[in-house]
Amino acid sequence: MKLVVANVSTLVPHAKFRAAVRAIQKQVTQHFKPEWGIAAQLKPIAVSLGARKAPIQKSADAILYLGDSSSDPATGVDNALGYHAANNRGIPYGFIYLDVCADSKEPWSCTLSHEVLELLGDPDAVLTVTGPSPKDASATVYYDLEICDPTQGDRYKIDDIVVSNFVGRRYFGMSGGTGRTNHLNQRLRPFGVRPGGYLQYELSGKAHLIYGSRVSDQQKAAKKKMQHMRRNARRAGRLTV
């Protein structure tokens, strides 16, 4: 996959942005690919959303945008959606905003890592995995294939850049990979959640969220806000929360 990562932020220097993307490229190649068998080439670029007709890269398979504020009239969600629709309609996308990262109490590079890995795992935000119901182990529900949500809050560094932990194939009851439920080998059972994480499952057309014990109300609000701007807004659009 060719993944373009576009810096539309005025607050993050492009040199710092490129360093973060390089670290996440190492994470994808050295850690994520051996576990999930998915490779990607990340390309960092700088973009001005004022140039409404400026295609980023016709050969891109997916695009992520890093901006300052989700509500900013120039680089916020509405304008970014308009830009994406004008230039790259039909290509999977996602947004990362510094204000939402702050509300989530997470470094933006970690959120970017999170979004990169989840986009690679499910570009169209449609995949689910059958697993035991949290309320009745004899029943089954559909868990969204989100690779970093259950381990939210668990981080590590690559070249001094903070990146996100992620779940392994065993977490979803799949064979292969390392046999660990998560990359950092933290305590986590299959279909469980880390203290700072969350997961979503689907039942009868409705989405149900389970939060870890340390997730604050502020972080829950940030999660809800992100649902309307992340690539998985498409997932949320077909479900009742």
C-alpha atoms as a PDB file:
ATOM      1  CA  MET A   1       0.000   0.000   0.000  1.00  0.00           C
ATOM      2  CA  LYS A   2       1.111   3.549  -0.766  1.00  0.00           C
ATOM      3  CA  LEU A   3       0.023   5.770   2.113  1.00  0.00           C
ATOM      4  CA  VAL A   4       0.403   9.536   1.834  1.00  0.00           C
ATOM      5  CA  VAL A   5       0.612  11.411   5.149  1.00  0.00           C
ATOM      6  CA  ALA A   6      -0.173  15.083   4.601  1.00  0.00           C
ATOM      7  CA  ASN A   7       0.865  17.812   7.032  1.00  0.00           C
ATOM      8  CA  VAL A   8      -1.694  20.638   6.901  1.00  0.00           C
ATOM      9  CA  SER A   9      -0.732  21.862  10.380  1.00  0.00           C
ATOM     10  CA  THR A  10       0.801  25.296  10.943  1.00  0.00           C
ATOM     11  CA  LEU A  11       2.069  24.254  14.378  1.00  0.00           C
ATOM     12  CA  VAL A  12       4.084  21.132  13.556  1.00  0.00           C
ATOM     13  CA  PRO A  13       7.354  21.921  11.714  1.00  0.00           C
ATOM     14  CA  HIS A  14       7.678  19.768   8.638  1.00  0.00           C
ATOM     15  CA  ALA A  15      11.097  18.442   9.725  1.00  0.00           C
ATOM     16  CA  LYS A  16       9.524  17.151  12.940  1.00  0.00           C
ATOM     17  CA  PHE A  17       6.625  15.755  10.950  1.00  0.00           C
ATOM     18  CA  ARG A  18       8.958  13.891   8.587  1.00  0.00           C
ATOM     19  CA  ALA A  19      10.878  12.442  11.546  1.00  0.00           C
ATOM     20  CA  ALA A  20       7.619  11.094  12.991  1.00  0.00           C
ATOM     21  CA  VAL A  21       6.608   9.524   9.684  1.00  0.00           C
ATOM     22  CA  ARG A  22      10.048   7.903   9.347  1.00  0.00           C
ATOM     23  CA  ALA A  23       9.661   6.344  12.803  1.00  0.00           C
ATOM     24  CA  ILE A  24       6.185   5.073  11.964  1.00  0.00           C
ATOM     25  CA  GLN A  25       7.541   3.638   8.709  1.00  0.00           C
ATOM     26  CA  LYS A  26      10.006   1.625  10.812  1.00  0.00           C
ATOM     27  CA  GLN A  27       7.148   0.507  13.035  1.00  0.00           C
ATOM     28  CA  VAL A  28       5.147  -0.665  10.029  1.00  0.00           C
ATOM     29  CA  THR A  29       8.085  -2.509   8.465  1.00  0.00           C
ATOM     30  CA  GLN A  30       9.751  -3.980  11.531  1.00  0.00           C
ATOM     31  CA  HIS A  31       6.842  -4.575  13.934  1.00  0.00           C
ATOM     32  CA  PHE A  32       3.472  -4.443  12.195  1.00  0.00           C
ATOM     33  CA  LYS A  33       4.230  -6.335   8.984  1.00  0.00           C
ATOM     34  CA  PRO A  34       5.687  -9.426  10.755  1.00  0.00           C
ATOM     35  CA  GLU A  35       2.525  -9.634  12.876  1.00  0.00           C
ATOM     36  CA  TRP A  36      -0.172  -8.791  10.335  1.00  0.00           C
ATOM     37  CA  GLY A  37       1.541  -9.483   7.000  1.00  0.00           C
ATOM     38  CA  ILE A  38       0.696  -5.998   5.713  1.00  0.00           C
ATOM     39  CA  ALA A  39       3.334  -3.717   4.223  1.00  0.00           C
ATOM     40  CA  ALA A  40       3.123  -0.044   3.324  1.00  0.00           C
ATOM     41  CA  GLN A  41       5.214   2.772   1.918  1.00  0.00           C
ATOM     42  CA  LEU A  42       4.577   6.031   3.804  1.00  0.00           C
ATOM     43  CA  LYS A  43       5.156   9.328   2.035  1.00  0.00           C
ATOM     44  CA  PRO A  44       5.155  12.566   4.102  1.00  0.00           C
ATOM     45  CA  ILE A  45       4.163  15.744   2.277  1.00  0.00           C
ATOM     46  CA  ALA A  46       3.128  19.304   3.160  1.00  0.00           C
ATOM     47  CA  VAL A  47      -0.195  20.583   1.822  1.00  0.00           C
ATOM     48  CA  SER A  48      -2.087  23.866   1.836  1.00  0.00           C
ATOM     49  CA  LEU A  49      -5.823  23.275   1.863  1.00  0.00           C
ATOM     50  CA  GLY A  50      -6.240  26.672   0.222  1.00  0.00           C
ATOM     51  CA  ALA A  51      -5.196  25.062  -3.049  1.00  0.00           C
ATOM     52  CA  ARG A  52      -8.527  23.361  -3.622  1.00  0.00           C
ATOM     53  CA  LYS A  53      -7.499  21.609  -6.811  1.00  0.00           C
ATOM     54  CA  ALA A  54      -4.103  20.166  -6.023  1.00  0.00           C
ATOM     55  CA  PRO A  55      -4.083  16.355  -6.198  1.00  0.00           C
ATOM     56  CA  ILE A  56      -1.744  14.902  -3.588  1.00  0.00           C
ATOM     57  CA  GLN A  57      -0.729  11.789  -5.431  1.00  0.00           C
ATOM     58  CA  LYS A  58      -2.812   9.989  -8.005  1.00  0.00           C
ATOM     59  CA  SER A  59      -1.231   6.655  -7.124  1.00  0.00           C
ATOM     60  CA  ALA A  60      -1.993   6.950  -3.390  1.00  0.00           C
ATOM     61  CA  ASP A  61      -3.952   4.043  -1.917  1.00  0.00           C
ATOM     62  CA  ALA A  62      -4.875   6.006   1.222  1.00  0.00           C
ATOM     63  CA  ILE A  63      -4.307   9.451   2.769  1.00  0.00           C
ATOM     64  CA  LEU A  64      -4.039  10.751   6.323  1.00  0.00           C
ATOM     65  CA  TYR A  65      -4.118  14.461   7.200  1.00  0.00           C
ATOM     66  CA  LEU A  66      -2.542  16.088  10.276  1.00  0.00           C
ATOM     67  CA  GLY A  67      -4.144  19.421  11.213  1.00  0.00           C
ATOM     68  CA  ASP A  68      -4.229  21.895  14.099  1.00  0.00           C
ATOM     69  CA  SER A  69      -7.866  22.120  15.150  1.00  0.00           C
ATOM     70  CA  SER A  70     -10.841  20.025  14.160  1.00  0.00           C
ATOM     71  CA  SER A  71     -13.029  23.142  14.074  1.00  0.00           C
ATOM     72  CA  ASP A  72     -10.579  25.522  12.368  1.00  0.00           C
ATOM     73  CA  PRO A  73     -12.288  27.139   9.344  1.00  0.00           C
ATOM     74  CA  ALA A  74      -9.163  26.695   7.204  1.00  0.00           C
ATOM     75  CA  THR A  75      -7.832  23.252   8.154  1.00  0.00           C
ATOM     76  CA  GLY A  76     -10.669  21.732  10.222  1.00  0.00           C
ATOM     77  CA  VAL A  77     -12.795  18.732   9.374  1.00  0.00           C
ATOM     78  CA  ASP A  78     -15.251  20.483   7.047  1.00  0.00           C
ATOM     79  CA  ASN A  79     -12.591  22.034   4.840  1.00  0.00           C
ATOM     80  CA  ALA A  80     -10.412  18.912   4.908  1.00  0.00           C
ATOM     81  CA  LEU A  81     -13.376  16.780   3.846  1.00  0.00           C
ATOM     82  CA  GLY A  82     -14.070  19.217   1.024  1.00  0.00           C
ATOM     83  CA  TYR A  83     -10.448  19.163  -0.068  1.00  0.00           C
ATOM     84  CA  HIS A  84     -10.322  15.373   0.019  1.00  0.00           C
ATOM     85  CA  ALA A  85     -13.554  15.046  -1.951  1.00  0.00           C
ATOM     86  CA  ALA A  86     -12.327  17.533  -4.563  1.00  0.00           C
ATOM     87  CA  ASN A  87      -8.956  15.902  -5.081  1.00  0.00           C
ATOM     88  CA  ASN A  88      -8.999  12.305  -3.889  1.00  0.00           C
ATOM     89  CA  ARG A  89     -12.577  11.075  -3.867  1.00  0.00           C
ATOM     90  CA  GLY A  90     -12.870   7.333  -3.287  1.00  0.00           C
ATOM     91  CA  ILE A  91      -9.487   6.969  -1.581  1.00  0.00           C
ATOM     92  CA  PRO A  92      -9.560   5.837   2.089  1.00  0.00           C
ATOM     93  CA  TYR A  93      -8.631   8.708   4.399  1.00  0.00           C
ATOM     94  CA  GLY A  94      -8.355   9.825   7.993  1.00  0.00           C
ATOM     95  CA  PHE A  95      -7.744  12.980  10.041  1.00  0.00           C
ATOM     96  CA  ILE A  96      -5.573  13.625  13.084  1.00  0.00           C
ATOM     97  CA  TYR A  97      -6.016  16.944  14.917  1.00  0.00           C
ATOM     98  CA  LEU A  98      -3.782  18.395  17.602  1.00  0.00           C
ATOM     99  CA  ASP A  99      -6.682  19.648  19.719  1.00  0.00           C
ATOM    100  CA  VAL A 100      -8.264  16.201  19.854  1.00  0.00           C
ATOM    101  CA  CYS A 101      -4.880  14.627  20.657  1.00  0.00           C
ATOM    102  CA  ALA A 102      -4.589  17.036  23.593  1.00  0.00           C
ATOM    103  CA  ASP A 103      -8.076  16.116  24.812  1.00  0.00           C
ATOM    104  CA  SER A 104      -7.095  12.459  24.572  1.00  0.00           C
ATOM    105  CA  LYS A 105      -3.886  13.205  26.508  1.00  0.00           C
ATOM    106  CA  GLU A 106      -1.827  11.585  23.766  1.00  0.00           C
ATOM    107  CA  PRO A 107       1.170  12.845  21.736  1.00  0.00           C
ATOM    108  CA  TRP A 108       0.150  13.539  18.147  1.00  0.00           C
ATOM    109  CA  SER A 109       2.809  11.149  16.829  1.00  0.00           C
ATOM    110  CA  CYS A 110       1.185   8.351  18.853  1.00  0.00           C
ATOM    111  CA  THR A 111      -2.252   9.194  17.453  1.00  0.00           C
ATOM    112  CA  LEU A 112      -0.771   9.286  13.952  1.00  0.00           C
ATOM    113  CA  SER A 113       0.811   5.871  14.512  1.00  0.00           C
ATOM    114  CA  HIS A 114      -2.559   4.610  15.782  1.00  0.00           C
ATOM    115  CA  GLU A 115      -4.369   5.847  12.686  1.00  0.00           C
ATOM    116  CA  VAL A 116      -1.742   4.531  10.262  1.00  0.00           C
ATOM    117  CA  LEU A 117      -1.898   1.007  11.685  1.00  0.00           C
ATOM    118  CA  GLU A 118      -5.682   0.913  11.857  1.00  0.00           C
ATOM    119  CA  LEU A 119      -6.011   2.188   8.305  1.00  0.00           C
ATOM    120  CA  LEU A 120      -3.608  -0.512   7.108  1.00  0.00           C
ATOM    121  CA  GLY A 121      -5.530  -3.176   8.992  1.00  0.00           C
ATOM    122  CA  ASP A 122      -8.919  -2.163   7.581  1.00  0.00           C
ATOM    123  CA  PRO A 123      -8.708   0.604   4.938  1.00  0.00           C
ATOM    124  CA  ASP A 124     -12.445   0.727   4.294  1.00  0.00           C
ATOM    125  CA  ALA A 125     -13.531   0.357   7.946  1.00  0.00           C
ATOM    126  CA  VAL A 126     -15.846  -2.561   7.193  1.00  0.00           C
ATOM    127  CA  LEU A 127     -14.152  -5.601   8.719  1.00  0.00           C
ATOM    128  CA  THR A 128     -15.451  -7.358  11.813  1.00  0.00           C
ATOM    129  CA  VAL A 129     -14.452 -10.475  13.730  1.00  0.00           C
ATOM    130  CA  THR A 130     -16.861 -12.846  15.445  1.00  0.00           C
ATOM    131  CA  GLY A 131     -16.140 -13.266  19.139  1.00  0.00           C
ATOM    132  CA  PRO A 132     -17.789 -14.045  22.477  1.00  0.00           C
ATOM    133  CA  SER A 133     -20.267 -11.506  23.787  1.00  0.00           C
ATOM    134  CA  PRO A 134     -18.930  -9.469  26.744  1.00  0.00           C
ATOM    135  CA  LYS A 135     -22.253 -10.062  28.491  1.00  0.00           C
ATOM    136  CA  ASP A 136     -22.803 -13.734  27.632  1.00  0.00           C
ATOM    137  CA  ALA A 137     -19.838 -15.965  26.731  1.00  0.00           C
ATOM    138  CA  SER A 138     -22.188 -18.477  25.092  1.00  0.00           C
ATOM    139  CA  ALA A 139     -23.365 -15.878  22.585  1.00  0.00           C
ATOM    140  CA  THR A 140     -21.378 -14.175  19.815  1.00  0.00           C
ATOM    141  CA  VAL A 141     -21.120 -10.596  18.585  1.00  0.00           C
ATOM    142  CA  TYR A 142     -19.160  -8.803  15.864  1.00  0.00           C
ATOM    143  CA  TYR A 143     -16.057  -6.898  16.994  1.00  0.00           C
ATOM    144  CA  ASP A 144     -14.787  -4.106  14.766  1.00  0.00           C
ATOM    145  CA  LEU A 145     -11.299  -4.858  13.452  1.00  0.00           C
ATOM    146  CA  GLU A 146      -9.580  -1.933  15.167  1.00  0.00           C
ATOM    147  CA  ILE A 147      -5.941  -2.736  15.814  1.00  0.00           C
ATOM    148  CA  CYS A 148      -4.965   0.011  18.269  1.00  0.00           C
ATOM    149  CA  ASP A 149      -8.164   0.925  20.132  1.00  0.00           C
ATOM    150  CA  PRO A 150      -7.887  -1.865  22.750  1.00  0.00           C
ATOM    151  CA  THR A 151      -4.313  -0.823  23.613  1.00  0.00           C
ATOM    152  CA  GLN A 152      -4.896   2.952  23.635  1.00  0.00           C
ATOM    153  CA  GLY A 153      -2.630   4.561  26.230  1.00  0.00           C
ATOM    154  CA  ASP A 154       0.165   2.004  25.780  1.00  0.00           C
ATOM    155  CA  ARG A 155       3.112   3.571  23.971  1.00  0.00           C
ATOM    156  CA  TYR A 156       6.741   3.030  23.075  1.00  0.00           C
ATOM    157  CA  LYS A 157       9.457   4.934  21.256  1.00  0.00           C
ATOM    158  CA  ILE A 158      11.213   4.482  17.942  1.00  0.00           C
ATOM    159  CA  ASP A 159      14.093   6.916  17.357  1.00  0.00           C
ATOM    160  CA  ASP A 160      12.741   8.990  20.263  1.00  0.00           C
ATOM    161  CA  ILE A 161       9.321   9.278  18.568  1.00  0.00           C
ATOM    162  CA  VAL A 162       6.304   8.064  20.563  1.00  0.00           C
ATOM    163  CA  VAL A 163       4.231   5.441  18.734  1.00  0.00           C
ATOM    164  CA  SER A 164       1.214   3.345  19.635  1.00  0.00           C
ATOM    165  CA  ASN A 165       1.040  -0.221  20.870  1.00  0.00           C
ATOM    166  CA  PHE A 166      -1.217  -2.487  18.797  1.00  0.00           C
ATOM    167  CA  VAL A 167      -2.954  -5.833  19.126  1.00  0.00           C
ATOM    168  CA  GLY A 168      -1.758  -9.029  17.488  1.00  0.00           C
ATOM    169  CA  ARG A 169      -3.644 -11.636  15.528  1.00  0.00           C
ATOM    170  CA  ARG A 170      -4.151 -13.749  18.652  1.00  0.00           C
ATOM    171  CA  TYR A 171      -6.216 -10.945  20.174  1.00  0.00           C
ATOM    172  CA  PHE A 172      -8.941 -11.622  17.583  1.00  0.00           C
ATOM    173  CA  GLY A 173      -8.567 -15.410  17.804  1.00  0.00           C
ATOM    174  CA  MET A 174      -6.586 -15.602  14.560  1.00  0.00           C
ATOM    175  CA  SER A 175      -3.653 -17.898  13.886  1.00  0.00           C
ATOM    176  CA  GLY A 176      -0.177 -16.727  12.873  1.00  0.00           C
ATOM    177  CA  GLY A 177       1.860 -13.783  13.985  1.00  0.00           C
ATOM    178  CA  THR A 178       3.834 -13.747  17.209  1.00  0.00           C
ATOM    179  CA  GLY A 179       1.171 -15.463  19.282  1.00  0.00           C
ATOM    180  CA  ARG A 180       0.952 -12.420  21.583  1.00  0.00           C
ATOM    181  CA  THR A 181      -2.249 -10.458  22.045  1.00  0.00           C
ATOM    182  CA  ASN A 182      -0.341  -7.177  21.706  1.00  0.00           C
ATOM    183  CA  HIS A 183       3.032  -5.982  20.499  1.00  0.00           C
ATOM    184  CA  LEU A 184       4.332  -4.857  23.909  1.00  0.00           C
ATOM    185  CA  ASN A 185       3.149  -8.121  25.463  1.00  0.00           C
ATOM    186  CA  GLN A 186       1.177  -6.278  28.106  1.00  0.00           C
ATOM    187  CA  ARG A 187      -1.471  -8.145  30.052  1.00  0.00           C
ATOM    188  CA  LEU A 188      -4.438  -8.411  27.680  1.00  0.00           C
ATOM    189  CA  ARG A 189      -6.810 -11.284  27.030  1.00  0.00           C
ATOM    190  CA  PRO A 190      -8.403 -11.877  23.606  1.00  0.00           C
ATOM    191  CA  PHE A 191     -11.294  -9.456  23.011  1.00  0.00           C
ATOM    192  CA  GLY A 192     -10.322  -7.605  26.185  1.00  0.00           C
ATOM    193  CA  VAL A 193      -9.269  -4.018  26.758  1.00  0.00           C
ATOM    194  CA  ARG A 194      -6.268  -2.342  28.360  1.00  0.00           C
ATOM    195  CA  PRO A 195      -6.855   0.210  31.183  1.00  0.00           C
ATOM    196  CA  GLY A 196      -6.594   3.169  28.809  1.00  0.00           C
ATOM    197  CA  GLY A 197      -8.200   1.481  25.823  1.00  0.00           C
ATOM    198  CA  TYR A 198     -11.613   0.781  24.405  1.00  0.00           C
ATOM    199  CA  LEU A 199     -13.296  -1.546  21.955  1.00  0.00           C
ATOM    200  CA  GLN A 200     -16.470  -1.550  19.928  1.00  0.00           C
ATOM    201  CA  TYR A 201     -18.723  -4.427  19.035  1.00  0.00           C
ATOM    202  CA  GLU A 202     -21.843  -4.617  16.919  1.00  0.00           C
ATOM    203  CA  LEU A 203     -25.113  -6.297  17.789  1.00  0.00           C
ATOM    204  CA  SER A 204     -28.459  -5.964  15.995  1.00  0.00           C
ATOM    205  CA  GLY A 205     -27.297  -2.927  14.058  1.00  0.00           C
ATOM    206  CA  LYS A 206     -26.123  -1.062  17.130  1.00  0.00           C
ATOM    207  CA  ALA A 207     -22.602  -0.160  18.263  1.00  0.00           C
ATOM    208  CA  HIS A 208     -21.568  -0.810  21.858  1.00  0.00           C
ATOM    209  CA  LEU A 209     -18.425   0.624  23.460  1.00  0.00           C
ATOM    210  CA  ILE A 210     -16.418  -0.867  26.300  1.00  0.00           C
ATOM    211  CA  TYR A 211     -13.879   1.395  28.008  1.00  0.00           C
ATOM    212  CA  GLY A 212     -10.848   0.514  30.104  1.00  0.00           C
ATOM    213  CA  SER A 213     -10.832   1.349  33.802  1.00  0.00           C
ATOM    214  CA  ARG A 214      -8.607   4.430  33.414  1.00  0.00           C
ATOM    215  CA  VAL A 215     -10.431   6.176  30.568  1.00  0.00           C
ATOM    216  CA  SER A 216     -11.626   9.594  31.773  1.00  0.00           C
ATOM    217  CA  ASP A 217     -14.822  11.391  30.789  1.00  0.00           C
ATOM    218  CA  GLN A 218     -12.673  13.884  28.854  1.00  0.00           C
ATOM    219  CA  GLN A 219     -11.105  11.061  26.865  1.00  0.00           C
ATOM    220  CA  LYS A 220     -14.522   9.533  26.195  1.00  0.00           C
ATOM    221  CA  ALA A 221     -15.681  12.898  24.864  1.00  0.00           C
ATOM    222  CA  ALA A 222     -12.592  13.091  22.632  1.00  0.00           C
ATOM    223  CA  LYS A 223     -13.310   9.589  21.350  1.00  0.00           C
ATOM    224  CA  LYS A 224     -16.883  10.588  20.522  1.00  0.00           C
ATOM    225  CA  LYS A 225     -15.632  13.708  18.759  1.00  0.00           C
ATOM    226  CA  MET A 226     -13.138  11.693  16.739  1.00  0.00           C
ATOM    227  CA  GLN A 227     -15.845   9.333  15.568  1.00  0.00           C
ATOM    228  CA  HIS A 228     -17.152  12.058  13.299  1.00  0.00           C
ATOM    229  CA  MET A 229     -13.816  12.800  11.669  1.00  0.00           C
ATOM    230  CA  ARG A 230     -11.802   9.585  11.590  1.00  0.00           C
ATOM    231  CA  ARG A 231     -11.862   7.191   8.676  1.00  0.00           C
ATOM    232  CA  ASN A 232     -14.236   5.010  10.711  1.00  0.00           C
ATOM    233  CA  ALA A 233     -16.898   7.703  10.561  1.00  0.00           C
ATOM    234  CA  ARG A 234     -18.059   5.479   7.713  1.00  0.00           C
ATOM    235  CA  ARG A 235     -18.325   2.612  10.165  1.00  0.00           C
ATOM    236  CA  ALA A 236     -20.254   4.758  12.624  1.00  0.00           C
ATOM    237  CA  GLY A 237     -22.559   5.919   9.848  1.00  0.00           C
ATOM    238  CA  ARG A 238     -24.138   2.506   9.433  1.00  0.00           C
ATOM    239  CA  LEU A 239     -24.636   1.863  13.150  1.00  0.00           C
ATOM    240  CA  THR A 240     -26.723   3.269  15.969  1.00  0.00           C
ATOM    241  CA  VAL A 241     -24.598   4.210  18.995  1.00  0.00           C
END
